[in-house]
PDB file of all heavy atoms in Angstrom:
ATOM      1  N   GLU A   1     106.134 170.640-104.191  1.00  0.00           N
ATOM      2  CA  GLU A   1     105.923 171.992-104.704  1.00  0.00           C
ATOM      3  C   GLU A   1     105.043 172.818-103.771  1.00  0.00           C
ATOM      4  O   GLU A   1     105.111 174.039-103.748  1.00  0.00           O
ATOM      5  CB  GLU A   1     105.301 171.920-106.097  1.00  0.00           C
ATOM      6  CG  GLU A   1     106.227 171.301-107.143  1.00  0.00           C
ATOM      7  CD  GLU A   1     105.594 171.276-108.503  1.00  0.00           C
ATOM      8  OE1 GLU A   1     104.412 171.678-108.625  1.00  0.00           O
ATOM      9  OE2 GLU A   1     106.264 170.849-109.461  1.00  0.00           O
ATOM     10  N   ASN A   2     104.192 172.147-103.011  1.00  0.00           N
ATOM     11  CA  ASN A   2     103.310 172.854-102.076  1.00  0.00           C
ATOM     12  C   ASN A   2     104.111 173.519-100.963  1.00  0.00           C
ATOM     13  O   ASN A   2     103.777 174.602-100.480  1.00  0.00           O
ATOM     14  CB  ASN A   2     102.292 171.867-101.479  1.00  0.00           C
ATOM     15  CG  ASN A   2     101.308 172.527-100.548  1.00  0.00           C
ATOM     16  OD1 ASN A   2     101.645 172.848 -99.403  1.00  0.00           O
ATOM     17  ND2 ASN A   2     100.092 172.716-101.018  1.00  0.00           N
ATOM     18  N   GLY A   3     105.192 172.862-100.545  1.00  0.00           N
ATOM     19  CA  GLY A   3     106.077 173.442 -99.550  1.00  0.00           C
ATOM     20  C   GLY A   3     105.514 173.542 -98.148  1.00  0.00           C
ATOM     21  O   GLY A   3     105.989 174.344 -97.351  1.00  0.00           O
ATOM     22  N   PHE A   4     104.513 172.732 -97.825  1.00  0.00           N
ATOM     23  CA  PHE A   4     103.881 172.837 -96.510  1.00  0.00           C
ATOM     24  C   PHE A   4     104.624 171.990 -95.474  1.00  0.00           C
ATOM     25  O   PHE A   4     104.702 170.775 -95.582  1.00  0.00           O
ATOM     26  CB  PHE A   4     102.420 172.382 -96.591  1.00  0.00           C
ATOM     27  CG  PHE A   4     101.662 172.562 -95.305  1.00  0.00           C
ATOM     28  CD1 PHE A   4     100.986 173.742 -95.055  1.00  0.00           C
ATOM     29  CD2 PHE A   4     101.640 171.564 -94.347  1.00  0.00           C
ATOM     30  CE1 PHE A   4     100.294 173.919 -93.862  1.00  0.00           C
ATOM     31  CE2 PHE A   4     100.953 171.732 -93.161  1.00  0.00           C
ATOM     32  CZ  PHE A   4     100.276 172.911 -92.914  1.00  0.00           C
ATOM     33  N   LYS A   5     105.190 172.658 -94.452  1.00  0.00           N
ATOM     34  CA  LYS A   5     105.849 171.967 -93.343  1.00  0.00           C
ATOM     35  C   LYS A   5     105.652 172.786 -92.073  1.00  0.00           C
ATOM     36  O   LYS A   5     105.768 174.019 -92.108  1.00  0.00           O
ATOM     37  CB  LYS A   5     107.356 171.798 -93.592  1.00  0.00           C
ATOM     38  CG  LYS A   5     107.724 170.807 -94.677  1.00  0.00           C
ATOM     39  CD  LYS A   5     109.243 170.661 -94.770  1.00  0.00           C
ATOM     40  CE  LYS A   5     109.630 169.650 -95.846  1.00  0.00           C
ATOM     41  NZ  LYS A   5     111.117 169.503 -95.935  1.00  0.00           N
ATOM     42  N   VAL A   6     105.365 172.095 -90.971  1.00  0.00           N
ATOM     43  CA  VAL A   6     105.272 172.760 -89.669  1.00  0.00           C
ATOM     44  C   VAL A   6     105.871 171.832 -88.625  1.00  0.00           C
ATOM     45  O   VAL A   6     105.597 170.627 -88.608  1.00  0.00           O
ATOM     46  CB  VAL A   6     103.822 173.086 -89.273  1.00  0.00           C
ATOM     47  CG1 VAL A   6     103.812 173.951 -88.010  1.00  0.00           C
ATOM     48  CG2 VAL A   6     103.080 173.785 -90.388  1.00  0.00           C
ATOM     49  N   HIS A   7     106.689 172.397 -87.743  1.00  0.00           N
ATOM     50  CA  HIS A   7     107.349 171.623 -86.688  1.00  0.00           C
ATOM     51  C   HIS A   7     107.143 172.357 -85.365  1.00  0.00           C
ATOM     52  O   HIS A   7     107.494 173.526 -85.233  1.00  0.00           O
ATOM     53  CB  HIS A   7     108.839 171.484 -87.002  1.00  0.00           C
ATOM     54  CG  HIS A   7     109.602 170.665 -86.002  1.00  0.00           C
ATOM     55  ND1 HIS A   7     110.985 170.654 -85.952  1.00  0.00           N
ATOM     56  CD2 HIS A   7     109.190 169.828 -85.003  1.00  0.00           C
ATOM     57  CE1 HIS A   7     111.382 169.853 -84.994  1.00  0.00           C
ATOM     58  NE2 HIS A   7     110.319 169.350 -84.400  1.00  0.00           N
ATOM     59  N   SER A   8     106.562 171.666 -84.361  1.00  0.00           N
ATOM     60  CA  SER A   8     106.352 172.264 -83.041  1.00  0.00           C
ATOM     61  C   SER A   8     107.020 171.413 -81.968  1.00  0.00           C
ATOM     62  O   SER A   8     107.290 170.227 -82.173  1.00  0.00           O
ATOM     63  CB  SER A   8     104.861 172.417 -82.732  1.00  0.00           C
ATOM     64  OG  SER A   8     104.260 171.152 -82.508  1.00  0.00           O
ATOM     65  N   TYR A   9     107.261 172.044 -80.827  1.00  0.00           N
ATOM     66  CA  TYR A   9     107.920 171.371 -79.699  1.00  0.00           C
ATOM     67  C   TYR A   9     107.172 171.693 -78.412  1.00  0.00           C
ATOM     68  O   TYR A   9     106.698 172.809 -78.215  1.00  0.00           O
ATOM     69  CB  TYR A   9     109.371 171.828 -79.580  1.00  0.00           C
ATOM     70  CG  TYR A   9     110.085 171.265 -78.366  1.00  0.00           C
ATOM     71  CD1 TYR A   9     110.699 170.015 -78.413  1.00  0.00           C
ATOM     72  CD2 TYR A   9     110.124 171.974 -77.167  1.00  0.00           C
ATOM     73  CE1 TYR A   9     111.333 169.497 -77.296  1.00  0.00           C
ATOM     74  CE2 TYR A   9     110.758 171.459 -76.054  1.00  0.00           C
ATOM     75  CZ  TYR A   9     111.359 170.216 -76.119  1.00  0.00           C
ATOM     76  OH  TYR A   9     111.973 169.704 -75.009  1.00  0.00           O
ATOM     77  N   GLN A  10     107.078 170.699 -77.531  1.00  0.00           N
ATOM     78  CA  GLN A  10     106.436 170.866 -76.225  1.00  0.00           C
ATOM     79  C   GLN A  10     107.272 170.165 -75.156  1.00  0.00           C
ATOM     80  O   GLN A  10     107.609 168.989 -75.291  1.00  0.00           O
ATOM     81  CB  GLN A  10     105.041 170.245 -76.243  1.00  0.00           C
ATOM     82  CG  GLN A  10     104.406 170.033 -74.870  1.00  0.00           C
ATOM     83  CD  GLN A  10     103.904 171.327 -74.259  1.00  0.00           C
ATOM     84  OE1 GLN A  10     103.089 172.012 -74.847  1.00  0.00           O
ATOM     85  NE2 GLN A  10     104.401 171.651 -73.083  1.00  0.00           N
ATOM     86  N   SER A  11     107.644 170.901 -74.110  1.00  0.00           N
ATOM     87  CA  SER A  11     108.328 170.302 -72.967  1.00  0.00           C
ATOM     88  C   SER A  11     107.351 170.154 -71.819  1.00  0.00           C
ATOM     89  O   SER A  11     106.540 171.049 -71.570  1.00  0.00           O
ATOM     90  CB  SER A  11     109.516 171.164 -72.531  1.00  0.00           C
ATOM     91  OG  SER A  11     110.057 170.660 -71.316  1.00  0.00           O
ATOM     92  N   PHE A  12     107.407 169.022 -71.123  1.00  0.00           N
ATOM     93  CA  PHE A  12     106.565 168.790 -69.955  1.00  0.00           C
ATOM     94  C   PHE A  12     107.336 168.911 -68.643  1.00  0.00           C
ATOM     95  O   PHE A  12     106.800 168.626 -67.578  1.00  0.00           O
ATOM     96  CB  PHE A  12     105.932 167.397 -70.027  1.00  0.00           C
ATOM     97  CG  PHE A  12     104.898 167.270 -71.108  1.00  0.00           C
ATOM     98  CD1 PHE A  12     105.174 166.588 -72.275  1.00  0.00           C
ATOM     99  CD2 PHE A  12     103.649 167.840 -70.951  1.00  0.00           C
ATOM    100  CE1 PHE A  12     104.225 166.464 -73.266  1.00  0.00           C
ATOM    101  CE2 PHE A  12     102.685 167.723 -71.946  1.00  0.00           C
ATOM    102  CZ  PHE A  12     102.979 167.033 -73.106  1.00  0.00           C
ATOM    103  N   THR A  13     108.593 169.296 -68.722  1.00  0.00           N
ATOM    104  CA  THR A  13     109.406 169.391 -67.510  1.00  0.00           C
ATOM    105  C   THR A  13     109.542 170.841 -67.092  1.00  0.00           C
ATOM    106  O   THR A  13     109.968 171.686 -67.872  1.00  0.00           O
ATOM    107  CB  THR A  13     110.800 168.784 -67.733  1.00  0.00           C
ATOM    108  OG1 THR A  13     111.454 169.484 -68.799  1.00  0.00           O
ATOM    109  CG2 THR A  13     110.687 167.309 -68.104  1.00  0.00           C
ATOM    110  N   GLY A  14     109.211 171.119 -65.848  1.00  0.00           N
ATOM    111  CA  GLY A  14     109.236 172.487 -65.351  1.00  0.00           C
ATOM    112  C   GLY A  14     110.624 173.082 -65.264  1.00  0.00           C
ATOM    113  O   GLY A  14     110.780 174.288 -65.183  1.00  0.00           O
ATOM    114  N   THR A  15     111.660 172.236 -65.280  1.00  0.00           N
ATOM    115  CA  THR A  15     113.025 172.732 -65.168  1.00  0.00           C
ATOM    116  C   THR A  15     113.583 173.223 -66.489  1.00  0.00           C
ATOM    117  O   THR A  15     114.634 173.843 -66.536  1.00  0.00           O
ATOM    118  CB  THR A  15     113.956 171.635 -64.622  1.00  0.00           C
ATOM    119  OG1 THR A  15     113.885 170.498 -65.491  1.00  0.00           O
ATOM    120  CG2 THR A  15     113.520 171.223 -63.218  1.00  0.00           C
ATOM    121  N   SER A  16     112.871 172.936 -67.576  1.00  0.00           N
ATOM    122  CA  SER A  16     113.366 173.318 -68.895  1.00  0.00           C
ATOM    123  C   SER A  16     112.962 174.747 -69.229  1.00  0.00           C
ATOM    124  O   SER A  16     111.835 175.155 -68.940  1.00  0.00           O
ATOM    125  CB  SER A  16     112.803 172.376 -69.967  1.00  0.00           C
ATOM    126  OG  SER A  16     113.098 172.856 -71.260  1.00  0.00           O
ATOM    127  N   PRO A  17     113.855 175.524 -69.833  1.00  0.00           N
ATOM    128  CA  PRO A  17     113.485 176.876 -70.265  1.00  0.00           C
ATOM    129  C   PRO A  17     112.495 176.854 -71.419  1.00  0.00           C
ATOM    130  O   PRO A  17     111.910 177.859 -71.760  1.00  0.00           O
ATOM    131  CB  PRO A  17     114.821 177.490 -70.695  1.00  0.00           C
ATOM    132  CG  PRO A  17     115.665 176.327 -71.080  1.00  0.00           C
ATOM    133  CD  PRO A  17     115.254 175.207 -70.144  1.00  0.00           C
ATOM    134  N   ARG A  18     112.308 175.671 -72.034  1.00  0.00           N
ATOM    135  CA  ARG A  18     111.387 175.547 -73.167  1.00  0.00           C
ATOM    136  C   ARG A  18     110.114 174.815 -72.732  1.00  0.00           C
ATOM    137  O   ARG A  18     109.611 173.950 -73.429  1.00  0.00           O
ATOM    138  CB  ARG A  18     112.060 174.784 -74.301  1.00  0.00           C
ATOM    139  CG  ARG A  18     113.361 175.385 -74.769  1.00  0.00           C
ATOM    140  CD  ARG A  18     113.937 174.601 -75.927  1.00  0.00           C
ATOM    141  NE  ARG A  18     114.239 173.222 -75.572  1.00  0.00           N
ATOM    142  CZ  ARG A  18     114.610 172.290 -76.452  1.00  0.00           C
ATOM    143  NH1 ARG A  18     114.688 172.594 -77.722  1.00  0.00           N
ATOM    144  NH2 ARG A  18     114.892 171.070 -76.061  1.00  0.00           N
ATOM    145  N   ASN A  19     109.593 175.164 -71.549  1.00  0.00           N
ATOM    146  CA  ASN A  19     108.493 174.384 -71.001  1.00  0.00           C
ATOM    147  C   ASN A  19     107.124 174.799 -71.528  1.00  0.00           C
ATOM    148  O   ASN A  19     106.107 174.449 -70.957  1.00  0.00           O
ATOM    149  CB  ASN A  19     108.502 174.451 -69.466  1.00  0.00           C
ATOM    150  CG  ASN A  19     108.291 175.864 -68.953  1.00  0.00           C
ATOM    151  OD1 ASN A  19     108.368 176.808 -69.714  1.00  0.00           O
ATOM    152  ND2 ASN A  19     108.036 175.981 -67.668  1.00  0.00           N
ATOM    153  N   GLU A  20     107.090 175.538 -72.620  1.00  0.00           N
ATOM    154  CA  GLU A  20     105.840 175.890 -73.253  1.00  0.00           C
ATOM    155  C   GLU A  20     105.834 175.362 -74.685  1.00  0.00           C
ATOM    156  O   GLU A  20     106.873 175.163 -75.286  1.00  0.00           O
ATOM    157  CB  GLU A  20     105.647 177.409 -73.259  1.00  0.00           C
ATOM    158  CG  GLU A  20     105.580 178.036 -71.870  1.00  0.00           C
ATOM    159  CD  GLU A  20     104.358 177.589 -71.090  1.00  0.00           C
ATOM    160  OE1 GLU A  20     103.348 177.216 -71.728  1.00  0.00           O
ATOM    161  OE2 GLU A  20     104.407 177.606 -69.846  1.00  0.00           O
ATOM    162  N   SER A  21     104.618 175.176 -75.234  1.00  0.00           N
ATOM    163  CA  SER A  21     104.515 174.801 -76.636  1.00  0.00           C
ATOM    164  C   SER A  21     105.076 175.920 -77.508  1.00  0.00           C
ATOM    165  O   SER A  21     104.869 177.092 -77.225  1.00  0.00           O
ATOM    166  CB  SER A  21     103.054 174.555 -77.010  1.00  0.00           C
ATOM    167  OG  SER A  21     102.492 173.522 -76.244  1.00  0.00           O
ATOM    168  N   LYS A  22     105.778 175.549 -78.569  1.00  0.00           N
ATOM    169  CA  LYS A  22     106.289 176.575 -79.467  1.00  0.00           C
ATOM    170  C   LYS A  22     106.430 176.025 -80.873  1.00  0.00           C
ATOM    171  O   LYS A  22     106.551 174.815 -81.078  1.00  0.00           O
ATOM    172  CB  LYS A  22     107.637 177.097 -78.978  1.00  0.00           C
ATOM    173  CG  LYS A  22     108.784 176.118 -79.150  1.00  0.00           C
ATOM    174  CD  LYS A  22     110.119 176.800 -78.823  1.00  0.00           C
ATOM    175  CE  LYS A  22     111.299 175.905 -79.149  1.00  0.00           C
ATOM    176  NZ  LYS A  22     112.593 176.577 -78.880  1.00  0.00           N
ATOM    177  N   ILE A  23     106.379 176.916 -81.842  1.00  0.00           N
ATOM    178  CA  ILE A  23     106.605 176.558 -83.236  1.00  0.00           C
ATOM    179  C   ILE A  23     108.098 176.650 -83.515  1.00  0.00           C
ATOM    180  O   ILE A  23     108.704 177.705 -83.336  1.00  0.00           O
ATOM    181  CB  ILE A  23     105.834 177.489 -84.180  1.00  0.00           C
ATOM    182  CG1 ILE A  23     104.321 177.394 -83.938  1.00  0.00           C
ATOM    183  CG2 ILE A  23     106.148 177.163 -85.631  1.00  0.00           C
ATOM    184  CD1 ILE A  23     103.724 176.043 -84.278  1.00  0.00           C
ATOM    185  N   VAL A  24     108.693 175.547 -83.927  1.00  0.00           N
ATOM    186  CA  VAL A  24     110.116 175.529 -84.259  1.00  0.00           C
ATOM    187  C   VAL A  24     110.343 176.142 -85.638  1.00  0.00           C
ATOM    188  O   VAL A  24     111.236 176.965 -85.835  1.00  0.00           O
ATOM    189  CB  VAL A  24     110.664 174.083 -84.216  1.00  0.00           C
ATOM    190  CG1 VAL A  24     112.126 174.049 -84.624  1.00  0.00           C
ATOM    191  CG2 VAL A  24     110.483 173.487 -82.825  1.00  0.00           C
TER     192      VAL A  24
END
């Protein structure tokens, strides 16, 4: 019932367009 969820992603490879931390 609280509904608390958080999902983040971090890429460590410089070739990836997602190479920064982000909240999914």
